Amino acid sequence: MATKAAVTGVVVSDKMHKTVKVAIERQVRDPLYGKTQRRTSTFLAHDEKNEAKVGDRVAIAETRPLSRRKRWVVTSIVEKAKEI
């Protein structure tokens, strides 16, 4: 059995019930010019207790499909967002 993917990202939306939108940022090298660029992917992740808030850094892991677009689950909150 293959291991499930696990990544960390920042919560960009928490307006859905038991669901958060997590942005994952990665760096990709341009094949022609060699310049590194930032690419952002967003995933919907299941948050059973509605604990994650916008700005929090969370760890998410791949899981079975929970809905049409939701295939990730929040495993832990790595860092809380700073209060302003």
PDB file of N, CA and C in Angstrom:
ATOM      1  N   MET A   1       0.840  -1.183   0.000  1.00  0.00           N
ATOM      2  CA  MET A   1       0.000   0.000   0.000  1.00  0.00           C
ATOM      3  C   MET A   1       0.882   1.241   0.000  1.00  0.00           C
ATOM      4  N   ALA A   2       0.578   2.171  -0.855  1.00  0.00           N
ATOM      5  CA  ALA A   2       1.367   3.400  -0.967  1.00  0.00           C
ATOM      6  C   ALA A   2       1.064   4.328   0.204  1.00  0.00           C
ATOM      7  N   THR A   3       2.061   5.142   0.567  1.00  0.00           N
ATOM      8  CA  THR A   3       1.843   6.104   1.643  1.00  0.00           C
ATOM      9  C   THR A   3       1.030   7.278   1.120  1.00  0.00           C
ATOM     10  N   LYS A   4       0.239   7.861   1.980  1.00  0.00           N
ATOM     11  CA  LYS A   4      -0.590   8.995   1.605  1.00  0.00           C
ATOM     12  C   LYS A   4       0.248  10.270   1.610  1.00  0.00           C
ATOM     13  N   ALA A   5      -0.056  11.167   0.696  1.00  0.00           N
ATOM     14  CA  ALA A   5       0.659  12.440   0.619  1.00  0.00           C
ATOM     15  C   ALA A   5       0.289  13.306   1.814  1.00  0.00           C
ATOM     16  N   ALA A   6       1.285  14.021   2.348  1.00  0.00           N
ATOM     17  CA  ALA A   6       1.050  14.947   3.457  1.00  0.00           C
ATOM     18  C   ALA A   6       1.823  16.223   3.169  1.00  0.00           C
ATOM     19  N   VAL A   7       1.149  17.368   3.263  1.00  0.00           N
ATOM     20  CA  VAL A   7       1.776  18.657   2.974  1.00  0.00           C
ATOM     21  C   VAL A   7       1.310  19.682   4.002  1.00  0.00           C
ATOM     22  N   THR A   8       2.007  20.817   4.046  1.00  0.00           N
ATOM     23  CA  THR A   8       1.578  21.916   4.911  1.00  0.00           C
ATOM     24  C   THR A   8       1.232  23.112   4.041  1.00  0.00           C
ATOM     25  N   GLY A   9       0.256  23.887   4.489  1.00  0.00           N
ATOM     26  CA  GLY A   9      -0.171  25.065   3.745  1.00  0.00           C
ATOM     27  C   GLY A   9      -0.868  26.045   4.659  1.00  0.00           C
ATOM     28  N   VAL A  10      -1.342  27.136   4.070  1.00  0.00           N
ATOM     29  CA  VAL A  10      -1.988  28.208   4.822  1.00  0.00           C
ATOM     30  C   VAL A  10      -3.477  28.219   4.493  1.00  0.00           C
ATOM     31  N   VAL A  11      -4.308  28.341   5.524  1.00  0.00           N
ATOM     32  CA  VAL A  11      -5.759  28.405   5.336  1.00  0.00           C
ATOM     33  C   VAL A  11      -6.113  29.766   4.740  1.00  0.00           C
ATOM     34  N   VAL A  12      -6.794  29.756   3.590  1.00  0.00           N
ATOM     35  CA  VAL A  12      -7.190  31.007   2.941  1.00  0.00           C
ATOM     36  C   VAL A  12      -8.693  31.262   3.043  1.00  0.00           C
ATOM     37  N   SER A  13      -9.475  30.236   3.416  1.00  0.00           N
ATOM     38  CA  SER A  13     -10.914  30.417   3.593  1.00  0.00           C
ATOM     39  C   SER A  13     -11.429  29.392   4.594  1.00  0.00           C
ATOM     40  N   ASP A  14     -12.300  29.854   5.514  1.00  0.00           N
ATOM     41  CA  ASP A  14     -12.920  28.940   6.481  1.00  0.00           C
ATOM     42  C   ASP A  14     -14.431  29.164   6.550  1.00  0.00           C
ATOM     43  N   LYS A  15     -15.023  29.627   5.461  1.00  0.00           N
ATOM     44  CA  LYS A  15     -16.434  29.994   5.456  1.00  0.00           C
ATOM     45  C   LYS A  15     -17.375  28.797   5.272  1.00  0.00           C
ATOM     46  N   MET A  16     -16.838  27.626   4.959  1.00  0.00           N
ATOM     47  CA  MET A  16     -17.670  26.445   4.758  1.00  0.00           C
ATOM     48  C   MET A  16     -17.751  25.630   6.045  1.00  0.00           C
ATOM     49  N   HIS A  17     -18.821  24.868   6.188  1.00  0.00           N
ATOM     50  CA  HIS A  17     -19.022  24.050   7.381  1.00  0.00           C
ATOM     51  C   HIS A  17     -18.107  22.828   7.337  1.00  0.00           C
ATOM     52  N   LYS A  18     -17.235  22.689   8.325  1.00  0.00           N
ATOM     53  CA  LYS A  18     -16.289  21.576   8.463  1.00  0.00           C
ATOM     54  C   LYS A  18     -15.340  21.452   7.272  1.00  0.00           C
ATOM     55  N   THR A  19     -15.095  22.545   6.579  1.00  0.00           N
ATOM     56  CA  THR A  19     -14.208  22.540   5.416  1.00  0.00           C
ATOM     57  C   THR A  19     -13.382  23.814   5.404  1.00  0.00           C
ATOM     58  N   VAL A  20     -12.101  23.686   5.051  1.00  0.00           N
ATOM     59  CA  VAL A  20     -11.234  24.852   4.874  1.00  0.00           C
ATOM     60  C   VAL A  20     -10.550  24.753   3.517  1.00  0.00           C
ATOM     61  N   LYS A  21     -10.227  25.914   2.951  1.00  0.00           N
ATOM     62  CA  LYS A  21      -9.468  25.950   1.708  1.00  0.00           C
ATOM     63  C   LYS A  21      -8.021  26.239   2.081  1.00  0.00           C
ATOM     64  N   VAL A  22      -7.110  25.358   1.659  1.00  0.00           N
ATOM     65  CA  VAL A  22      -5.701  25.454   2.024  1.00  0.00           C
ATOM     66  C   VAL A  22      -4.883  25.728   0.768  1.00  0.00           C
ATOM     67  N   ALA A  23      -4.025  26.748   0.829  1.00  0.00           N
ATOM     68  CA  ALA A  23      -3.142  27.092  -0.286  1.00  0.00           C
ATOM     69  C   ALA A  23      -1.763  26.495  -0.023  1.00  0.00           C
ATOM     70  N   ILE A  24      -1.260  25.754  -1.004  1.00  0.00           N
ATOM     71  CA  ILE A  24       0.064  25.146  -0.937  1.00  0.00           C
ATOM     72  C   ILE A  24       0.944  25.880  -1.934  1.00  0.00           C
ATOM     73  N   GLU A  25       2.047  26.432  -1.459  1.00  0.00           N
ATOM     74  CA  GLU A  25       2.954  27.169  -2.341  1.00  0.00           C
ATOM     75  C   GLU A  25       4.193  26.324  -2.612  1.00  0.00           C
ATOM     76  N   ARG A  26       4.597  26.272  -3.883  1.00  0.00           N
ATOM     77  CA  ARG A  26       5.799  25.525  -4.262  1.00  0.00           C
ATOM     78  C   ARG A  26       6.586  26.347  -5.265  1.00  0.00           C
ATOM     79  N   GLN A  27       7.848  26.012  -5.427  1.00  0.00           N
ATOM     80  CA  GLN A  27       8.690  26.714  -6.392  1.00  0.00           C
ATOM     81  C   GLN A  27       8.986  25.788  -7.563  1.00  0.00           C
ATOM     82  N   VAL A  28       8.793  26.317  -8.777  1.00  0.00           N
ATOM     83  CA  VAL A  28       9.008  25.553 -10.003  1.00  0.00           C
ATOM     84  C   VAL A  28      10.024  26.297 -10.851  1.00  0.00           C
ATOM     85  N   ARG A  29      10.935  25.569 -11.421  1.00  0.00           N
ATOM     86  CA  ARG A  29      11.954  26.167 -12.271  1.00  0.00           C
ATOM     87  C   ARG A  29      11.448  26.218 -13.708  1.00  0.00           C
ATOM     88  N   ASP A  30      11.567  27.378 -14.360  1.00  0.00           N
ATOM     89  CA  ASP A  30      11.160  27.521 -15.752  1.00  0.00           C
ATOM     90  C   ASP A  30      12.077  26.659 -16.615  1.00  0.00           C
ATOM     91  N   PRO A  31      11.506  25.804 -17.483  1.00  0.00           N
ATOM     92  CA  PRO A  31      12.347  24.888 -18.253  1.00  0.00           C
ATOM     93  C   PRO A  31      13.271  25.581 -19.260  1.00  0.00           C
ATOM     94  N   LEU A  32      12.860  26.726 -19.790  1.00  0.00           N
ATOM     95  CA  LEU A  32      13.667  27.401 -20.800  1.00  0.00           C
ATOM     96  C   LEU A  32      14.667  28.372 -20.185  1.00  0.00           C
ATOM     97  N   TYR A  33      14.211  29.221 -19.273  1.00  0.00           N
ATOM     98  CA  TYR A  33      15.057  30.291 -18.751  1.00  0.00           C
ATOM     99  C   TYR A  33      15.686  29.979 -17.398  1.00  0.00           C
ATOM    100  N   GLY A  34      15.192  28.975 -16.701  1.00  0.00           N
ATOM    101  CA  GLY A  34      15.798  28.580 -15.440  1.00  0.00           C
ATOM    102  C   GLY A  34      15.384  29.408 -14.237  1.00  0.00           C
ATOM    103  N   LYS A  35      14.544  30.404 -14.434  1.00  0.00           N
ATOM    104  CA  LYS A  35      14.105  31.239 -13.320  1.00  0.00           C
ATOM    105  C   LYS A  35      13.099  30.466 -12.461  1.00  0.00           C
ATOM    106  N   THR A  36      13.227  30.578 -11.136  1.00  0.00           N
ATOM    107  CA  THR A  36      12.270  29.917 -10.255  1.00  0.00           C
ATOM    108  C   THR A  36      11.043  30.800 -10.076  1.00  0.00           C
ATOM    109  N   GLN A  37       9.887  30.158 -10.116  1.00  0.00           N
ATOM    110  CA  GLN A  37       8.620  30.861  -9.980  1.00  0.00           C
ATOM    111  C   GLN A  37       7.816  30.221  -8.860  1.00  0.00           C
ATOM    112  N   ARG A  38       6.997  31.022  -8.188  1.00  0.00           N
ATOM    113  CA  ARG A  38       6.111  30.498  -7.162  1.00  0.00           C
ATOM    114  C   ARG A  38       4.801  30.068  -7.804  1.00  0.00           C
ATOM    115  N   ARG A  39       4.372  28.865  -7.486  1.00  0.00           N
ATOM    116  CA  ARG A  39       3.085  28.356  -7.953  1.00  0.00           C
ATOM    117  C   ARG A  39       2.246  28.015  -6.732  1.00  0.00           C
ATOM    118  N   THR A  40       0.970  28.318  -6.788  1.00  0.00           N
ATOM    119  CA  THR A  40       0.071  28.054  -5.673  1.00  0.00           C
ATOM    120  C   THR A  40      -1.033  27.104  -6.116  1.00  0.00           C
ATOM    121  N   SER A  41      -1.256  26.070  -5.325  1.00  0.00           N
ATOM    122  CA  SER A  41      -2.368  25.153  -5.534  1.00  0.00           C
ATOM    123  C   SER A  41      -3.285  25.255  -4.329  1.00  0.00           C
ATOM    124  N   THR A  42      -4.589  25.181  -4.551  1.00  0.00           N
ATOM    125  CA  THR A  42      -5.531  25.220  -3.433  1.00  0.00           C
ATOM    126  C   THR A  42      -6.279  23.897  -3.350  1.00  0.00           C
ATOM    127  N   PHE A  43      -6.484  23.440  -2.121  1.00  0.00           N
ATOM    128  CA  PHE A  43      -7.192  22.194  -1.865  1.00  0.00           C
ATOM    129  C   PHE A  43      -8.270  22.441  -0.822  1.00  0.00           C
ATOM    130  N   LEU A  44      -9.391  21.748  -0.958  1.00  0.00           N
ATOM    131  CA  LEU A  44     -10.404  21.757   0.089  1.00  0.00           C
ATOM    132  C   LEU A  44     -10.081  20.616   1.041  1.00  0.00           C
ATOM    133  N   ALA A  45     -10.048  20.913   2.339  1.00  0.00           N
ATOM    134  CA  ALA A  45      -9.693  19.912   3.340  1.00  0.00           C
ATOM    135  C   ALA A  45     -10.773  19.841   4.409  1.00  0.00           C
ATOM    136  N   HIS A  46     -11.023  18.631   4.895  1.00  0.00           N
ATOM    137  CA  HIS A  46     -12.030  18.405   5.931  1.00  0.00           C
ATOM    138  C   HIS A  46     -11.462  18.788   7.292  1.00  0.00           C
ATOM    139  N   ASP A  47     -12.197  19.615   8.029  1.00  0.00           N
ATOM    140  CA  ASP A  47     -11.808  20.052   9.374  1.00  0.00           C
ATOM    141  C   ASP A  47     -12.969  19.718  10.304  1.00  0.00           C
ATOM    142  N   GLU A  48     -12.926  18.543  10.904  1.00  0.00           N
ATOM    143  CA  GLU A  48     -14.057  18.009  11.670  1.00  0.00           C
ATOM    144  C   GLU A  48     -14.528  18.935  12.787  1.00  0.00           C
ATOM    145  N   LYS A  49     -13.598  19.578  13.501  1.00  0.00           N
ATOM    146  CA  LYS A  49     -13.974  20.392  14.662  1.00  0.00           C
ATOM    147  C   LYS A  49     -14.039  21.886  14.365  1.00  0.00           C
ATOM    148  N   ASN A  50     -13.882  22.278  13.116  1.00  0.00           N
ATOM    149  CA  ASN A  50     -13.889  23.697  12.722  1.00  0.00           C
ATOM    150  C   ASN A  50     -12.879  24.520  13.521  1.00  0.00           C
ATOM    151  N   GLU A  51     -11.686  23.974  13.742  1.00  0.00           N
ATOM    152  CA  GLU A  51     -10.666  24.645  14.551  1.00  0.00           C
ATOM    153  C   GLU A  51      -9.787  25.583  13.740  1.00  0.00           C
ATOM    154  N   ALA A  52      -9.520  25.263  12.489  1.00  0.00           N
ATOM    155  CA  ALA A  52      -8.599  26.060  11.670  1.00  0.00           C
ATOM    156  C   ALA A  52      -9.265  27.359  11.228  1.00  0.00           C
ATOM    157  N   LYS A  53      -8.527  28.449  11.334  1.00  0.00           N
ATOM    158  CA  LYS A  53      -9.015  29.764  10.936  1.00  0.00           C
ATOM    159  C   LYS A  53      -8.119  30.330   9.835  1.00  0.00           C
ATOM    160  N   VAL A  54      -8.568  31.393   9.178  1.00  0.00           N
ATOM    161  CA  VAL A  54      -7.807  32.014   8.093  1.00  0.00           C
ATOM    162  C   VAL A  54      -6.449  32.474   8.618  1.00  0.00           C
ATOM    163  N   GLY A  55      -5.396  32.130   7.893  1.00  0.00           N
ATOM    164  CA  GLY A  55      -4.042  32.518   8.272  1.00  0.00           C
ATOM    165  C   GLY A  55      -3.283  31.441   9.017  1.00  0.00           C
ATOM    166  N   ASP A  56      -3.972  30.417   9.521  1.00  0.00           N
ATOM    167  CA  ASP A  56      -3.297  29.329  10.227  1.00  0.00           C
ATOM    168  C   ASP A  56      -2.496  28.483   9.247  1.00  0.00           C
ATOM    169  N   ARG A  57      -1.333  28.001   9.698  1.00  0.00           N
ATOM    170  CA  ARG A  57      -0.558  27.035   8.920  1.00  0.00           C
ATOM    171  C   ARG A  57      -0.974  25.648   9.402  1.00  0.00           C
ATOM    172  N   VAL A  58      -1.464  24.814   8.478  1.00  0.00           N
ATOM    173  CA  VAL A  58      -1.985  23.497   8.843  1.00  0.00           C
ATOM    174  C   VAL A  58      -1.287  22.400   8.051  1.00  0.00           C
ATOM    175  N   ALA A  59      -1.293  21.204   8.623  1.00  0.00           N
ATOM    176  CA  ALA A  59      -0.807  20.016   7.930  1.00  0.00           C
ATOM    177  C   ALA A  59      -2.030  19.257   7.434  1.00  0.00           C
ATOM    178  N   ILE A  60      -2.017  18.874   6.152  1.00  0.00           N
ATOM    179  CA  ILE A  60      -3.134  18.119   5.587  1.00  0.00           C
ATOM    180  C   ILE A  60      -2.604  16.825   4.989  1.00  0.00           C
ATOM    181  N   ALA A  61      -3.457  15.802   4.985  1.00  0.00           N
ATOM    182  CA  ALA A  61      -3.078  14.501   4.445  1.00  0.00           C
ATOM    183  C   ALA A  61      -4.146  14.040   3.466  1.00  0.00           C
ATOM    184  N   GLU A  62      -3.710  13.300   2.466  1.00  0.00           N
ATOM    185  CA  GLU A  62      -4.621  12.778   1.461  1.00  0.00           C
ATOM    186  C   GLU A  62      -5.491  11.681   2.074  1.00  0.00           C
ATOM    187  N   THR A  63      -6.741  11.608   1.648  1.00  0.00           N
ATOM    188  CA  THR A  63      -7.667  10.602   2.162  1.00  0.00           C
ATOM    189  C   THR A  63      -8.628  10.190   1.049  1.00  0.00           C
ATOM    190  N   ARG A  64      -9.586   9.368   1.384  1.00  0.00           N
ATOM    191  CA  ARG A  64     -10.585   8.953   0.391  1.00  0.00           C
ATOM    192  C   ARG A  64     -11.452  10.154   0.014  1.00  0.00           C
ATOM    193  N   PRO A  65     -12.114  10.122  -1.130  1.00  0.00           N
ATOM    194  CA  PRO A  65     -12.983  11.242  -1.499  1.00  0.00           C
ATOM    195  C   PRO A  65     -14.117  11.420  -0.487  1.00  0.00           C
ATOM    196  N   LEU A  66     -14.218  12.636   0.055  1.00  0.00           N
ATOM    197  CA  LEU A  66     -15.263  12.950   1.029  1.00  0.00           C
ATOM    198  C   LEU A  66     -16.429  13.679   0.372  1.00  0.00           C
ATOM    199  N   SER A  67     -16.175  14.348  -0.738  1.00  0.00           N
ATOM    200  CA  SER A  67     -17.215  15.002  -1.525  1.00  0.00           C
ATOM    201  C   SER A  67     -16.651  15.189  -2.929  1.00  0.00           C
ATOM    202  N   ARG A  68     -17.336  15.976  -3.736  1.00  0.00           N
ATOM    203  CA  ARG A  68     -16.912  16.145  -5.129  1.00  0.00           C
ATOM    204  C   ARG A  68     -15.499  16.705  -5.255  1.00  0.00           C
ATOM    205  N   ARG A  69     -15.126  17.686  -4.411  1.00  0.00           N
ATOM    206  CA  ARG A  69     -13.807  18.320  -4.514  1.00  0.00           C
ATOM    207  C   ARG A  69     -12.919  18.099  -3.296  1.00  0.00           C
ATOM    208  N   LYS A  70     -13.423  17.427  -2.276  1.00  0.00           N
ATOM    209  CA  LYS A  70     -12.697  17.319  -1.004  1.00  0.00           C
ATOM    210  C   LYS A  70     -12.062  15.938  -0.865  1.00  0.00           C
ATOM    211  N   ARG A  71     -10.696  15.912  -0.927  1.00  0.00           N
ATOM    212  CA  ARG A  71      -9.953  14.663  -0.810  1.00  0.00           C
ATOM    213  C   ARG A  71      -8.796  14.767   0.177  1.00  0.00           C
ATOM    214  N   TRP A  72      -8.832  15.778   1.030  1.00  0.00           N
ATOM    215  CA  TRP A  72      -7.779  16.008   2.020  1.00  0.00           C
ATOM    216  C   TRP A  72      -8.422  16.196   3.380  1.00  0.00           C
ATOM    217  N   VAL A  73      -7.665  15.922   4.445  1.00  0.00           N
ATOM    218  CA  VAL A  73      -8.153  16.098   5.806  1.00  0.00           C
ATOM    219  C   VAL A  73      -7.081  16.832   6.609  1.00  0.00           C
ATOM    220  N   VAL A  74      -7.511  17.766   7.461  1.00  0.00           N
ATOM    221  CA  VAL A  74      -6.583  18.512   8.314  1.00  0.00           C
ATOM    222  C   VAL A  74      -6.126  17.580   9.429  1.00  0.00           C
ATOM    223  N   THR A  75      -4.803  17.348   9.518  1.00  0.00           N
ATOM    224  CA  THR A  75      -4.272  16.470  10.558  1.00  0.00           C
ATOM    225  C   THR A  75      -3.859  17.246  11.796  1.00  0.00           C
ATOM    226  N   SER A  76      -3.320  18.459  11.608  1.00  0.00           N
ATOM    227  CA  SER A  76      -2.928  19.266  12.767  1.00  0.00           C
ATOM    228  C   SER A  76      -2.774  20.724  12.357  1.00  0.00           C
ATOM    229  N   ILE A  77      -2.847  21.593  13.359  1.00  0.00           N
ATOM    230  CA  ILE A  77      -2.572  23.012  13.150  1.00  0.00           C
ATOM    231  C   ILE A  77      -1.134  23.245  13.580  1.00  0.00           C
ATOM    232  N   VAL A  78      -0.269  23.563  12.620  1.00  0.00           N
ATOM    233  CA  VAL A  78       1.159  23.726  12.883  1.00  0.00           C
ATOM    234  C   VAL A  78       1.423  25.045  13.593  1.00  0.00           C
ATOM    235  N   GLU A  79       0.777  26.115  13.112  1.00  0.00           N
ATOM    236  CA  GLU A  79       1.022  27.447  13.668  1.00  0.00           C
ATOM    237  C   GLU A  79      -0.254  28.271  13.545  1.00  0.00           C
ATOM    238  N   LYS A  80      -0.649  28.894  14.653  1.00  0.00           N
ATOM    239  CA  LYS A  80      -1.831  29.745  14.644  1.00  0.00           C
ATOM    240  C   LYS A  80      -1.508  31.086  13.995  1.00  0.00           C
ATOM    241  N   ALA A  81      -2.516  31.717  13.394  1.00  0.00           N
ATOM    242  CA  ALA A  81      -2.339  33.035  12.786  1.00  0.00           C
ATOM    243  C   ALA A  81      -2.117  34.071  13.878  1.00  0.00           C
ATOM    244  N   LYS A  82      -1.301  35.056  13.574  1.00  0.00           N
ATOM    245  CA  LYS A  82      -1.042  36.119  14.536  1.00  0.00           C
ATOM    246  C   LYS A  82      -2.251  37.046  14.607  1.00  0.00           C
ATOM    247  N   GLU A  83      -2.641  37.422  15.818  1.00  0.00           N
ATOM    248  CA  GLU A  83      -3.758  38.340  16.021  1.00  0.00           C
ATOM    249  C   GLU A  83      -3.322  39.760  15.687  1.00  0.00           C
ATOM    250  N   ILE A  84      -4.176  40.487  14.998  1.00  0.00           N
ATOM    251  CA  ILE A  84      -3.845  41.873  14.631  1.00  0.00           C
ATOM    252  C   ILE A  84      -4.720  42.818  15.421  1.00  0.00           C
TER     253      ILE A  84
END
